[in-house]
């Protein structure tokens, strides 16, 4: 069993910053990718950013809407992924979910953390 615990969400004014963290624990095999997705009511969950595991060289991938404002990073020794969100906009308001893709085990999701950006 694998558990993902997210933290760092909250309420912030437009232009502000938040840092999300996600720690994976349990039966962790080789991590292929870790990432952040977000979802608003009535819309599909969308990729925000993800990062390859150690064997993948830490290559990152960002949604166009967050490039230049968000930065994803990871600490492989701690099985932790971070999302630094700067210059936040009201349209960034969503529930943010952590996702981990494990070698031969598939994908696991966190419970989600709410991010609200006020105008």
PDB file of N, CA and C in Angstrom:
ATOM      1  N   UNK A   1       0.836  -1.190   0.000  1.00  0.00           N
ATOM      2  CA  UNK A   1       0.000   0.000   0.000  1.00  0.00           C
ATOM      3  C   UNK A   1       0.880   1.252   0.000  1.00  0.00           C
ATOM      4  N   UNK A   2       0.414   2.256  -0.717  1.00  0.00           N
ATOM      5  CA  UNK A   2       1.137   3.521  -0.834  1.00  0.00           C
ATOM      6  C   UNK A   2       0.222   4.648  -0.366  1.00  0.00           C
ATOM      7  N   UNK A   3       0.767   5.529   0.443  1.00  0.00           N
ATOM      8  CA  UNK A   3       0.013   6.694   0.909  1.00  0.00           C
ATOM      9  C   UNK A   3       0.701   7.974   0.445  1.00  0.00           C
ATOM     10  N   UNK A   4      -0.108   8.925   0.023  1.00  0.00           N
ATOM     11  CA  UNK A   4       0.384  10.238  -0.360  1.00  0.00           C
ATOM     12  C   UNK A   4      -0.295  11.269   0.534  1.00  0.00           C
ATOM     13  N   UNK A   5       0.500  12.107   1.165  1.00  0.00           N
ATOM     14  CA  UNK A   5      -0.041  13.137   2.047  1.00  0.00           C
ATOM     15  C   UNK A   5       0.393  14.497   1.525  1.00  0.00           C
ATOM     16  N   UNK A   6      -0.584  15.304   1.158  1.00  0.00           N
ATOM     17  CA  UNK A   6      -0.322  16.641   0.628  1.00  0.00           C
ATOM     18  C   UNK A   6      -0.490  17.677   1.727  1.00  0.00           C
ATOM     19  N   UNK A   7       0.217  18.786   1.587  1.00  0.00           N
ATOM     20  CA  UNK A   7       0.078  19.893   2.511  1.00  0.00           C
ATOM     21  C   UNK A   7       0.474  21.184   1.805  1.00  0.00           C
ATOM     22  N   UNK A   8       0.092  22.298   2.408  1.00  0.00           N
ATOM     23  CA  UNK A   8       0.516  23.596   1.900  1.00  0.00           C
ATOM     24  C   UNK A   8      -0.548  24.410   1.201  1.00  0.00           C
ATOM     25  N   UNK A   9      -1.724  23.847   1.003  1.00  0.00           N
ATOM     26  CA  UNK A   9      -2.779  24.615   0.360  1.00  0.00           C
ATOM     27  C   UNK A   9      -3.314  25.684   1.296  1.00  0.00           C
ATOM     28  N   UNK A  10      -4.181  26.550   0.754  1.00  0.00           N
ATOM     29  CA  UNK A  10      -4.768  27.596   1.572  1.00  0.00           C
ATOM     30  C   UNK A  10      -5.315  28.725   0.749  1.00  0.00           C
ATOM     31  N   UNK A  11      -5.561  29.838   1.424  1.00  0.00           N
ATOM     32  CA  UNK A  11      -6.111  31.029   0.794  1.00  0.00           C
ATOM     33  C   UNK A  11      -5.014  32.082   0.668  1.00  0.00           C
ATOM     34  N   UNK A  12      -4.901  32.656  -0.519  1.00  0.00           N
ATOM     35  CA  UNK A  12      -3.875  33.673  -0.762  1.00  0.00           C
ATOM     36  C   UNK A  12      -4.434  34.716  -1.717  1.00  0.00           C
ATOM     37  N   UNK A  13      -3.928  35.926  -1.616  1.00  0.00           N
ATOM     38  CA  UNK A  13      -4.351  36.971  -2.544  1.00  0.00           C
ATOM     39  C   UNK A  13      -3.634  36.825  -3.873  1.00  0.00           C
ATOM     40  N   UNK A  14      -4.249  37.340  -4.900  1.00  0.00           N
ATOM     41  CA  UNK A  14      -3.631  37.325  -6.216  1.00  0.00           C
ATOM     42  C   UNK A  14      -2.250  37.978  -6.149  1.00  0.00           C
ATOM     43  N   UNK A  15      -1.295  37.340  -6.822  1.00  0.00           N
ATOM     44  CA  UNK A  15       0.077  37.815  -6.784  1.00  0.00           C
ATOM     45  C   UNK A  15       0.913  37.168  -5.700  1.00  0.00           C
ATOM     46  N   UNK A  16       0.264  36.453  -4.806  1.00  0.00           N
ATOM     47  CA  UNK A  16       0.961  35.812  -3.706  1.00  0.00           C
ATOM     48  C   UNK A  16       1.555  34.467  -4.092  1.00  0.00           C
ATOM     49  N   UNK A  17       2.091  33.788  -3.079  1.00  0.00           N
ATOM     50  CA  UNK A  17       2.781  32.521  -3.300  1.00  0.00           C
ATOM     51  C   UNK A  17       2.314  31.474  -2.299  1.00  0.00           C
ATOM     52  N   UNK A  18       2.380  30.231  -2.732  1.00  0.00           N
ATOM     53  CA  UNK A  18       2.158  29.076  -1.868  1.00  0.00           C
ATOM     54  C   UNK A  18       3.133  27.986  -2.282  1.00  0.00           C
ATOM     55  N   UNK A  19       3.440  27.107  -1.339  1.00  0.00           N
ATOM     56  CA  UNK A  19       4.282  25.956  -1.639  1.00  0.00           C
ATOM     57  C   UNK A  19       3.562  24.699  -1.188  1.00  0.00           C
ATOM     58  N   UNK A  20       3.309  23.820  -2.138  1.00  0.00           N
ATOM     59  CA  UNK A  20       2.675  22.540  -1.841  1.00  0.00           C
ATOM     60  C   UNK A  20       3.744  21.468  -1.664  1.00  0.00           C
ATOM     61  N   UNK A  21       3.459  20.536  -0.756  1.00  0.00           N
ATOM     62  CA  UNK A  21       4.342  19.391  -0.534  1.00  0.00           C
ATOM     63  C   UNK A  21       3.530  18.111  -0.593  1.00  0.00           C
ATOM     64  N   UNK A  22       4.154  17.043  -1.040  1.00  0.00           N
ATOM     65  CA  UNK A  22       3.509  15.732  -1.083  1.00  0.00           C
ATOM     66  C   UNK A  22       4.551  14.689  -0.714  1.00  0.00           C
ATOM     67  N   UNK A  23       4.245  13.941   0.345  1.00  0.00           N
ATOM     68  CA  UNK A  23       5.151  12.892   0.804  1.00  0.00           C
ATOM     69  C   UNK A  23       4.535  11.532   0.519  1.00  0.00           C
ATOM     70  N   UNK A  24       5.286  10.680  -0.133  1.00  0.00           N
ATOM     71  CA  UNK A  24       4.850   9.316  -0.417  1.00  0.00           C
ATOM     72  C   UNK A  24       5.473   8.369   0.594  1.00  0.00           C
ATOM     73  N   UNK A  25       4.648   7.448   1.119  1.00  0.00           N
ATOM     74  CA  UNK A  25       5.148   6.485   2.092  1.00  0.00           C
ATOM     75  C   UNK A  25       4.505   5.133   1.828  1.00  0.00           C
ATOM     76  N   UNK A  26       5.053   4.102   2.476  1.00  0.00           N
ATOM     77  CA  UNK A  26       4.523   2.757   2.298  1.00  0.00           C
ATOM     78  C   UNK A  26       5.439   1.937   1.402  1.00  0.00           C
ATOM     79  N   UNK A  27       4.809   1.084   0.582  1.00  0.00           N
ATOM     80  CA  UNK A  27       5.565   0.195  -0.292  1.00  0.00           C
ATOM     81  C   UNK A  27       5.989   0.949  -1.551  1.00  0.00           C
ATOM     82  N   UNK A  28       7.044   1.743  -1.397  1.00  0.00           N
ATOM     83  CA  UNK A  28       7.519   2.578  -2.502  1.00  0.00           C
ATOM     84  C   UNK A  28       8.563   1.809  -3.298  1.00  0.00           C
ATOM     85  N   UNK A  29       8.216   1.489  -4.531  1.00  0.00           N
ATOM     86  CA  UNK A  29       9.198   0.903  -5.426  1.00  0.00           C
ATOM     87  C   UNK A  29       9.815   2.041  -6.233  1.00  0.00           C
ATOM     88  N   UNK A  30      10.389   1.760  -7.340  1.00  0.00           N
ATOM     89  CA  UNK A  30      11.049   2.815  -8.112  1.00  0.00           C
ATOM     90  C   UNK A  30      10.012   3.831  -8.595  1.00  0.00           C
ATOM     91  N   UNK A  31      10.263   5.099  -8.303  1.00  0.00           N
ATOM     92  CA  UNK A  31       9.360   6.164  -8.713  1.00  0.00           C
ATOM     93  C   UNK A  31       9.713   6.578 -10.136  1.00  0.00           C
ATOM     94  N   UNK A  32       8.740   6.485 -11.020  1.00  0.00           N
ATOM     95  CA  UNK A  32       8.944   6.902 -12.403  1.00  0.00           C
ATOM     96  C   UNK A  32       8.718   8.406 -12.551  1.00  0.00           C
ATOM     97  N   UNK A  33       7.611   8.868 -11.998  1.00  0.00           N
ATOM     98  CA  UNK A  33       7.292  10.296 -12.069  1.00  0.00           C
ATOM     99  C   UNK A  33       6.471  10.692 -10.849  1.00  0.00           C
ATOM    100  N   UNK A  34       6.596  11.940 -10.450  1.00  0.00           N
ATOM    101  CA  UNK A  34       5.748  12.536  -9.433  1.00  0.00           C
ATOM    102  C   UNK A  34       5.215  13.835 -10.013  1.00  0.00           C
ATOM    103  N   UNK A  35       3.990  14.159  -9.683  1.00  0.00           N
ATOM    104  CA  UNK A  35       3.440  15.364 -10.280  1.00  0.00           C
ATOM    105  C   UNK A  35       2.258  15.935  -9.527  1.00  0.00           C
ATOM    106  N   UNK A  36       1.822  17.074 -10.017  1.00  0.00           N
ATOM    107  CA  UNK A  36       0.676  17.788  -9.469  1.00  0.00           C
ATOM    108  C   UNK A  36      -0.359  18.014 -10.565  1.00  0.00           C
ATOM    109  N   UNK A  37      -1.584  17.740 -10.206  1.00  0.00           N
ATOM    110  CA  UNK A  37      -2.729  17.984 -11.071  1.00  0.00           C
ATOM    111  C   UNK A  37      -3.700  18.883 -10.309  1.00  0.00           C
ATOM    112  N   UNK A  38      -4.621  19.502 -11.034  1.00  0.00           N
ATOM    113  CA  UNK A  38      -5.634  20.295 -10.361  1.00  0.00           C
ATOM    114  C   UNK A  38      -6.985  20.106 -11.034  1.00  0.00           C
ATOM    115  N   UNK A  39      -8.016  20.382 -10.246  1.00  0.00           N
ATOM    116  CA  UNK A  39      -9.373  20.187 -10.751  1.00  0.00           C
ATOM    117  C   UNK A  39     -10.311  21.212 -10.128  1.00  0.00           C
ATOM    118  N   UNK A  40     -11.171  21.776 -10.978  1.00  0.00           N
ATOM    119  CA  UNK A  40     -12.237  22.655 -10.510  1.00  0.00           C
ATOM    120  C   UNK A  40     -13.562  21.969 -10.820  1.00  0.00           C
ATOM    121  N   UNK A  41     -14.607  22.313 -10.083  1.00  0.00           N
ATOM    122  CA  UNK A  41     -15.904  21.643 -10.302  1.00  0.00           C
ATOM    123  C   UNK A  41     -16.364  21.778 -11.744  1.00  0.00           C
ATOM    124  N   UNK A  42     -16.800  20.661 -12.302  1.00  0.00           N
ATOM    125  CA  UNK A  42     -17.325  20.663 -13.656  1.00  0.00           C
ATOM    126  C   UNK A  42     -16.286  20.519 -14.745  1.00  0.00           C
ATOM    127  N   UNK A  43     -15.022  20.445 -14.367  1.00  0.00           N
ATOM    128  CA  UNK A  43     -13.962  20.294 -15.351  1.00  0.00           C
ATOM    129  C   UNK A  43     -13.136  19.065 -15.057  1.00  0.00           C
ATOM    130  N   UNK A  44     -12.426  18.591 -16.084  1.00  0.00           N
ATOM    131  CA  UNK A  44     -11.563  17.436 -15.901  1.00  0.00           C
ATOM    132  C   UNK A  44     -10.297  17.834 -15.133  1.00  0.00           C
ATOM    133  N   UNK A  45      -9.738  16.850 -14.477  1.00  0.00           N
ATOM    134  CA  UNK A  45      -8.471  17.064 -13.797  1.00  0.00           C
ATOM    135  C   UNK A  45      -7.395  17.305 -14.853  1.00  0.00           C
ATOM    136  N   UNK A  46      -6.534  18.311 -14.606  1.00  0.00           N
ATOM    137  CA  UNK A  46      -5.520  18.647 -15.575  1.00  0.00           C
ATOM    138  C   UNK A  46      -4.134  18.636 -14.949  1.00  0.00           C
ATOM    139  N   UNK A  47      -3.154  18.316 -15.783  1.00  0.00           N
ATOM    140  CA  UNK A  47      -1.767  18.328 -15.334  1.00  0.00           C
ATOM    141  C   UNK A  47      -1.313  19.757 -15.096  1.00  0.00           C
ATOM    142  N   UNK A  48      -0.660  19.977 -13.956  1.00  0.00           N
ATOM    143  CA  UNK A  48      -0.021  21.265 -13.675  1.00  0.00           C
ATOM    144  C   UNK A  48       1.469  21.152 -13.977  1.00  0.00           C
ATOM    145  N   UNK A  49       2.105  20.148 -13.375  1.00  0.00           N
ATOM    146  CA  UNK A  49       3.540  19.936 -13.588  1.00  0.00           C
ATOM    147  C   UNK A  49       3.892  18.546 -13.096  1.00  0.00           C
ATOM    148  N   UNK A  50       4.892  17.938 -13.727  1.00  0.00           N
ATOM    149  CA  UNK A  50       5.411  16.694 -13.191  1.00  0.00           C
ATOM    150  C   UNK A  50       6.911  16.620 -13.413  1.00  0.00           C
ATOM    151  N   UNK A  51       7.523  15.652 -12.708  1.00  0.00           N
ATOM    152  CA  UNK A  51       8.979  15.548 -12.725  1.00  0.00           C
ATOM    153  C   UNK A  51       9.353  14.073 -12.729  1.00  0.00           C
ATOM    154  N   UNK A  52      10.330  13.723 -13.533  1.00  0.00           N
ATOM    155  CA  UNK A  52      10.791  12.346 -13.602  1.00  0.00           C
ATOM    156  C   UNK A  52      11.549  11.977 -12.341  1.00  0.00           C
ATOM    157  N   UNK A  53      11.507  10.678 -12.004  1.00  0.00           N
ATOM    158  CA  UNK A  53      12.250  10.198 -10.866  1.00  0.00           C
ATOM    159  C   UNK A  53      13.743  10.187 -11.113  1.00  0.00           C
ATOM    160  N   UNK A  54      14.485   9.602 -10.176  1.00  0.00           N
ATOM    161  CA  UNK A  54      15.943   9.632 -10.243  1.00  0.00           C
ATOM    162  C   UNK A  54      16.453   9.026 -11.545  1.00  0.00           C
ATOM    163  N   UNK A  55      15.878   7.901 -11.932  1.00  0.00           N
ATOM    164  CA  UNK A  55      16.341   7.229 -13.148  1.00  0.00           C
ATOM    165  C   UNK A  55      16.009   8.013 -14.400  1.00  0.00           C
ATOM    166  N   UNK A  56      15.057   8.935 -14.292  1.00  0.00           N
ATOM    167  CA  UNK A  56      14.674   9.748 -15.442  1.00  0.00           C
ATOM    168  C   UNK A  56      15.347  11.090 -15.485  1.00  0.00           C
ATOM    169  N   UNK A  57      16.265  11.314 -14.580  1.00  0.00           N
ATOM    170  CA  UNK A  57      17.049  12.540 -14.623  1.00  0.00           C
ATOM    171  C   UNK A  57      16.341  13.785 -14.144  1.00  0.00           C
ATOM    172  N   UNK A  58      15.162  13.611 -13.537  1.00  0.00           N
ATOM    173  CA  UNK A  58      14.479  14.784 -13.004  1.00  0.00           C
ATOM    174  C   UNK A  58      13.939  15.730 -14.062  1.00  0.00           C
ATOM    175  N   UNK A  59      13.658  15.229 -15.235  1.00  0.00           N
ATOM    176  CA  UNK A  59      13.116  16.072 -16.299  1.00  0.00           C
ATOM    177  C   UNK A  59      11.724  16.564 -15.901  1.00  0.00           C
ATOM    178  N   UNK A  60      11.478  17.844 -16.114  1.00  0.00           N
ATOM    179  CA  UNK A  60      10.210  18.447 -15.707  1.00  0.00           C
ATOM    180  C   UNK A  60       9.324  18.753 -16.906  1.00  0.00           C
ATOM    181  N   UNK A  61       8.049  18.883 -16.603  1.00  0.00           N
ATOM    182  CA  UNK A  61       7.043  19.171 -17.626  1.00  0.00           C
ATOM    183  C   UNK A  61       5.989  20.070 -16.985  1.00  0.00           C
ATOM    184  N   UNK A  62       5.617  21.163 -17.683  1.00  0.00           N
ATOM    185  CA  UNK A  62       4.667  22.131 -17.130  1.00  0.00           C
ATOM    186  C   UNK A  62       3.525  22.400 -18.089  1.00  0.00           C
ATOM    187  N   UNK A  63       2.367  22.672 -17.519  1.00  0.00           N
ATOM    188  CA  UNK A  63       1.269  23.193 -18.330  1.00  0.00           C
ATOM    189  C   UNK A  63       1.628  24.603 -18.779  1.00  0.00           C
ATOM    190  N   UNK A  64       1.206  24.975 -19.966  1.00  0.00           N
ATOM    191  CA  UNK A  64       1.536  26.305 -20.487  1.00  0.00           C
ATOM    192  C   UNK A  64       1.047  27.414 -19.549  1.00  0.00           C
ATOM    193  N   UNK A  65      -0.070  27.182 -18.902  1.00  0.00           N
ATOM    194  CA  UNK A  65      -0.680  28.221 -18.069  1.00  0.00           C
ATOM    195  C   UNK A  65       0.128  28.551 -16.810  1.00  0.00           C
ATOM    196  N   UNK A  66       1.068  27.686 -16.447  1.00  0.00           N
ATOM    197  CA  UNK A  66       1.839  27.926 -15.215  1.00  0.00           C
ATOM    198  C   UNK A  66       3.327  28.128 -15.481  1.00  0.00           C
ATOM    199  N   UNK A  67       3.750  27.990 -16.720  1.00  0.00           N
ATOM    200  CA  UNK A  67       5.172  28.163 -17.031  1.00  0.00           C
ATOM    201  C   UNK A  67       5.642  29.553 -16.629  1.00  0.00           C
ATOM    202  N   UNK A  68       6.798  29.584 -15.979  1.00  0.00           N
ATOM    203  CA  UNK A  68       7.349  30.850 -15.528  1.00  0.00           C
ATOM    204  C   UNK A  68       6.844  31.301 -14.173  1.00  0.00           C
ATOM    205  N   UNK A  69       5.792  30.652 -13.664  1.00  0.00           N
ATOM    206  CA  UNK A  69       5.246  31.024 -12.351  1.00  0.00           C
ATOM    207  C   UNK A  69       5.382  29.905 -11.326  1.00  0.00           C
ATOM    208  N   UNK A  70       5.244  28.670 -11.769  1.00  0.00           N
ATOM    209  CA  UNK A  70       5.322  27.512 -10.869  1.00  0.00           C
ATOM    210  C   UNK A  70       6.628  26.764 -11.110  1.00  0.00           C
ATOM    211  N   UNK A  71       7.148  26.169 -10.029  1.00  0.00           N
ATOM    212  CA  UNK A  71       8.349  25.348 -10.127  1.00  0.00           C
ATOM    213  C   UNK A  71       8.138  24.054  -9.361  1.00  0.00           C
ATOM    214  N   UNK A  72       8.351  22.941 -10.041  1.00  0.00           N
ATOM    215  CA  UNK A  72       8.247  21.643  -9.392  1.00  0.00           C
ATOM    216  C   UNK A  72       9.646  21.142  -9.062  1.00  0.00           C
ATOM    217  N   UNK A  73       9.772  20.502  -7.912  1.00  0.00           N
ATOM    218  CA  UNK A  73      11.050  19.920  -7.512  1.00  0.00           C
ATOM    219  C   UNK A  73      10.768  18.686  -6.671  1.00  0.00           C
ATOM    220  N   UNK A  74      11.802  17.909  -6.440  1.00  0.00           N
ATOM    221  CA  UNK A  74      11.613  16.689  -5.666  1.00  0.00           C
ATOM    222  C   UNK A  74      12.842  16.397  -4.817  1.00  0.00           C
ATOM    223  N   UNK A  75      12.605  15.662  -3.764  1.00  0.00           N
ATOM    224  CA  UNK A  75      13.681  15.134  -2.920  1.00  0.00           C
ATOM    225  C   UNK A  75      13.540  13.618  -2.964  1.00  0.00           C
ATOM    226  N   UNK A  76      14.340  12.975  -3.800  1.00  0.00           N
ATOM    227  CA  UNK A  76      14.175  11.539  -4.016  1.00  0.00           C
ATOM    228  C   UNK A  76      14.429  10.734  -2.746  1.00  0.00           C
ATOM    229  N   UNK A  77      15.340  11.184  -1.919  1.00  0.00           N
ATOM    230  CA  UNK A  77      15.644  10.464  -0.679  1.00  0.00           C
ATOM    231  C   UNK A  77      14.456  10.468   0.280  1.00  0.00           C
ATOM    232  N   UNK A  78      13.613  11.493   0.168  1.00  0.00           N
ATOM    233  CA  UNK A  78      12.459  11.619   1.059  1.00  0.00           C
ATOM    234  C   UNK A  78      11.149  11.271   0.355  1.00  0.00           C
ATOM    235  N   UNK A  79      11.229  10.840  -0.906  1.00  0.00           N
ATOM    236  CA  UNK A  79      10.009  10.523  -1.676  1.00  0.00           C
ATOM    237  C   UNK A  79       9.004  11.677  -1.602  1.00  0.00           C
ATOM    238  N   UNK A  80       9.514  12.861  -1.794  1.00  0.00           N
ATOM    239  CA  UNK A  80       8.705  14.067  -1.649  1.00  0.00           C
ATOM    240  C   UNK A  80       8.788  14.912  -2.912  1.00  0.00           C
ATOM    241  N   UNK A  81       7.650  15.478  -3.276  1.00  0.00           N
ATOM    242  CA  UNK A  81       7.600  16.396  -4.406  1.00  0.00           C
ATOM    243  C   UNK A  81       6.995  17.716  -3.918  1.00  0.00           C
ATOM    244  N   UNK A  82       7.519  18.812  -4.458  1.00  0.00           N
ATOM    245  CA  UNK A  82       7.090  20.140  -4.072  1.00  0.00           C
ATOM    246  C   UNK A  82       6.575  20.891  -5.299  1.00  0.00           C
ATOM    247  N   UNK A  83       5.706  21.851  -5.024  1.00  0.00           N
ATOM    248  CA  UNK A  83       5.259  22.751  -6.084  1.00  0.00           C
ATOM    249  C   UNK A  83       5.288  24.168  -5.518  1.00  0.00           C
ATOM    250  N   UNK A  84       6.249  24.948  -5.972  1.00  0.00           N
ATOM    251  CA  UNK A  84       6.335  26.349  -5.588  1.00  0.00           C
ATOM    252  C   UNK A  84       5.494  27.144  -6.570  1.00  0.00           C
ATOM    253  N   UNK A  85       4.487  27.839  -6.039  1.00  0.00           N
ATOM    254  CA  UNK A  85       3.563  28.586  -6.891  1.00  0.00           C
ATOM    255  C   UNK A  85       3.701  30.073  -6.584  1.00  0.00           C
ATOM    256  N   UNK A  86       4.174  30.821  -7.557  1.00  0.00           N
ATOM    257  CA  UNK A  86       4.345  32.264  -7.426  1.00  0.00           C
ATOM    258  C   UNK A  86       3.396  32.995  -8.372  1.00  0.00           C
ATOM    259  N   UNK A  87       3.216  34.280  -8.113  1.00  0.00           N
ATOM    260  CA  UNK A  87       2.358  35.113  -8.970  1.00  0.00           C
ATOM    261  C   UNK A  87       1.010  34.447  -9.198  1.00  0.00           C
ATOM    262  N   UNK A  88       0.417  33.990  -8.137  1.00  0.00           N
ATOM    263  CA  UNK A  88      -0.838  33.247  -8.258  1.00  0.00           C
ATOM    264  C   UNK A  88      -1.958  34.142  -8.785  1.00  0.00           C
ATOM    265  N   UNK A  89      -2.834  33.518  -9.566  1.00  0.00           N
ATOM    266  CA  UNK A  89      -3.971  34.198 -10.175  1.00  0.00           C
ATOM    267  C   UNK A  89      -5.268  33.549  -9.692  1.00  0.00           C
ATOM    268  N   UNK A  90      -6.374  34.276  -9.729  1.00  0.00           N
ATOM    269  CA  UNK A  90      -7.645  33.662  -9.331  1.00  0.00           C
ATOM    270  C   UNK A  90      -7.960  32.384 -10.114  1.00  0.00           C
ATOM    271  N   UNK A  91      -7.552  32.328 -11.370  1.00  0.00           N
ATOM    272  CA  UNK A  91      -7.823  31.129 -12.174  1.00  0.00           C
ATOM    273  C   UNK A  91      -6.986  29.929 -11.754  1.00  0.00           C
ATOM    274  N   UNK A  92      -6.049  30.115 -10.831  1.00  0.00           N
ATOM    275  CA  UNK A  92      -5.305  28.977 -10.274  1.00  0.00           C
ATOM    276  C   UNK A  92      -6.088  28.293  -9.158  1.00  0.00           C
ATOM    277  N   UNK A  93      -7.213  28.886  -8.759  1.00  0.00           N
ATOM    278  CA  UNK A  93      -8.032  28.290  -7.708  1.00  0.00           C
ATOM    279  C   UNK A  93      -8.523  26.913  -8.145  1.00  0.00           C
ATOM    280  N   UNK A  94      -8.265  25.911  -7.307  1.00  0.00           N
ATOM    281  CA  UNK A  94      -8.623  24.529  -7.624  1.00  0.00           C
ATOM    282  C   UNK A  94      -8.241  23.638  -6.450  1.00  0.00           C
ATOM    283  N   UNK A  95      -8.658  22.392  -6.540  1.00  0.00           N
ATOM    284  CA  UNK A  95      -8.112  21.367  -5.646  1.00  0.00           C
ATOM    285  C   UNK A  95      -6.899  20.774  -6.350  1.00  0.00           C
ATOM    286  N   UNK A  96      -5.786  20.768  -5.673  1.00  0.00           N
ATOM    287  CA  UNK A  96      -4.534  20.266  -6.233  1.00  0.00           C
ATOM    288  C   UNK A  96      -4.268  18.855  -5.693  1.00  0.00           C
ATOM    289  N   UNK A  97      -3.975  17.946  -6.622  1.00  0.00           N
ATOM    290  CA  UNK A  97      -3.743  16.544  -6.286  1.00  0.00           C
ATOM    291  C   UNK A  97      -2.317  16.149  -6.642  1.00  0.00           C
ATOM    292  N   UNK A  98      -1.721  15.392  -5.768  1.00  0.00           N
ATOM    293  CA  UNK A  98      -0.411  14.807  -6.013  1.00  0.00           C
ATOM    294  C   UNK A  98      -0.600  13.431  -6.645  1.00  0.00           C
ATOM    295  N   UNK A  99       0.245  13.098  -7.603  1.00  0.00           N
ATOM    296  CA  UNK A  99       0.202  11.794  -8.261  1.00  0.00           C
ATOM    297  C   UNK A  99       1.606  11.228  -8.320  1.00  0.00           C
ATOM    298  N   UNK A 100       1.717   9.943  -8.014  1.00  0.00           N
ATOM    299  CA  UNK A 100       2.996   9.246  -8.112  1.00  0.00           C
ATOM    300  C   UNK A 100       2.821   8.033  -9.012  1.00  0.00           C
ATOM    301  N   UNK A 101       3.717   7.896  -9.955  1.00  0.00           N
ATOM    302  CA  UNK A 101       3.715   6.737 -10.856  1.00  0.00           C
ATOM    303  C   UNK A 101       4.887   5.848 -10.458  1.00  0.00           C
ATOM    304  N   UNK A 102       4.574   4.603 -10.051  1.00  0.00           N
ATOM    305  CA  UNK A 102       5.596   3.665  -9.619  1.00  0.00           C
ATOM    306  C   UNK A 102       5.848   2.612 -10.687  1.00  0.00           C
ATOM    307  N   UNK A 103       7.096   2.188 -10.805  1.00  0.00           N
ATOM    308  CA  UNK A 103       7.478   1.143 -11.756  1.00  0.00           C
ATOM    309  C   UNK A 103       6.725  -0.142 -11.451  1.00  0.00           C
ATOM    310  N   UNK A 104       6.022  -0.676 -12.408  1.00  0.00           N
ATOM    311  CA  UNK A 104       5.254  -1.927 -12.360  1.00  0.00           C
ATOM    312  C   UNK A 104       4.118  -1.904 -11.340  1.00  0.00           C
ATOM    313  N   UNK A 105       3.797  -0.744 -10.772  1.00  0.00           N
ATOM    314  CA  UNK A 105       2.737  -0.677  -9.757  1.00  0.00           C
ATOM    315  C   UNK A 105       1.615   0.266 -10.151  1.00  0.00           C
ATOM    316  N   UNK A 106       1.871   1.128 -11.101  1.00  0.00           N
ATOM    317  CA  UNK A 106       0.834   2.054 -11.531  1.00  0.00           C
ATOM    318  C   UNK A 106       0.842   3.356 -10.760  1.00  0.00           C
ATOM    319  N   UNK A 107      -0.292   4.068 -10.844  1.00  0.00           N
ATOM    320  CA  UNK A 107      -0.405   5.416 -10.304  1.00  0.00           C
ATOM    321  C   UNK A 107      -1.149   5.444  -8.981  1.00  0.00           C
ATOM    322  N   UNK A 108      -0.723   6.348  -8.116  1.00  0.00           N
ATOM    323  CA  UNK A 108      -1.377   6.587  -6.836  1.00  0.00           C
ATOM    324  C   UNK A 108      -1.650   8.081  -6.705  1.00  0.00           C
ATOM    325  N   UNK A 109      -2.777   8.413  -6.061  1.00  0.00           N
ATOM    326  CA  UNK A 109      -3.197   9.805  -5.917  1.00  0.00           C
ATOM    327  C   UNK A 109      -3.323  10.188  -4.446  1.00  0.00           C
ATOM    328  N   UNK A 110      -3.047  11.458  -4.176  1.00  0.00           N
ATOM    329  CA  UNK A 110      -3.312  11.995  -2.857  1.00  0.00           C
ATOM    330  C   UNK A 110      -4.765  12.393  -2.719  1.00  0.00           C
ATOM    331  N   UNK A 111      -5.112  12.890  -1.540  1.00  0.00           N
ATOM    332  CA  UNK A 111      -6.506  13.227  -1.254  1.00  0.00           C
ATOM    333  C   UNK A 111      -6.886  14.620  -1.743  1.00  0.00           C
ATOM    334  N   UNK A 112      -5.904  15.409  -2.103  1.00  0.00           N
ATOM    335  CA  UNK A 112      -6.163  16.746  -2.623  1.00  0.00           C
ATOM    336  C   UNK A 112      -6.037  17.813  -1.550  1.00  0.00           C
ATOM    337  N   UNK A 113      -5.608  18.993  -1.974  1.00  0.00           N
ATOM    338  CA  UNK A 113      -5.511  20.140  -1.081  1.00  0.00           C
ATOM    339  C   UNK A 113      -6.058  21.365  -1.816  1.00  0.00           C
ATOM    340  N   UNK A 114      -6.876  22.140  -1.130  1.00  0.00           N
ATOM    341  CA  UNK A 114      -7.541  23.276  -1.763  1.00  0.00           C
ATOM    342  C   UNK A 114      -6.606  24.478  -1.825  1.00  0.00           C
ATOM    343  N   UNK A 115      -6.543  25.071  -2.996  1.00  0.00           N
ATOM    344  CA  UNK A 115      -5.842  26.343  -3.188  1.00  0.00           C
ATOM    345  C   UNK A 115      -6.868  27.355  -3.677  1.00  0.00           C
ATOM    346  N   UNK A 116      -6.996  28.448  -2.952  1.00  0.00           N
ATOM    347  CA  UNK A 116      -7.936  29.503  -3.309  1.00  0.00           C
ATOM    348  C   UNK A 116      -7.185  30.819  -3.437  1.00  0.00           C
ATOM    349  N   UNK A 117      -7.317  31.455  -4.596  1.00  0.00           N
ATOM    350  CA  UNK A 117      -6.649  32.724  -4.856  1.00  0.00           C
ATOM    351  C   UNK A 117      -7.723  33.796  -4.997  1.00  0.00           C
ATOM    352  N   UNK A 118      -7.685  34.766  -4.118  1.00  0.00           N
ATOM    353  CA  UNK A 118      -8.690  35.833  -4.155  1.00  0.00           C
ATOM    354  C   UNK A 118      -8.187  36.998  -4.992  1.00  0.00           C
ATOM    355  N   UNK A 119      -9.123  37.679  -5.635  1.00  0.00           N
ATOM    356  CA  UNK A 119      -8.746  38.805  -6.501  1.00  0.00           C
ATOM    357  C   UNK A 119      -8.734  40.114  -5.734  1.00  0.00           C
TER     358      UNK A 119
END
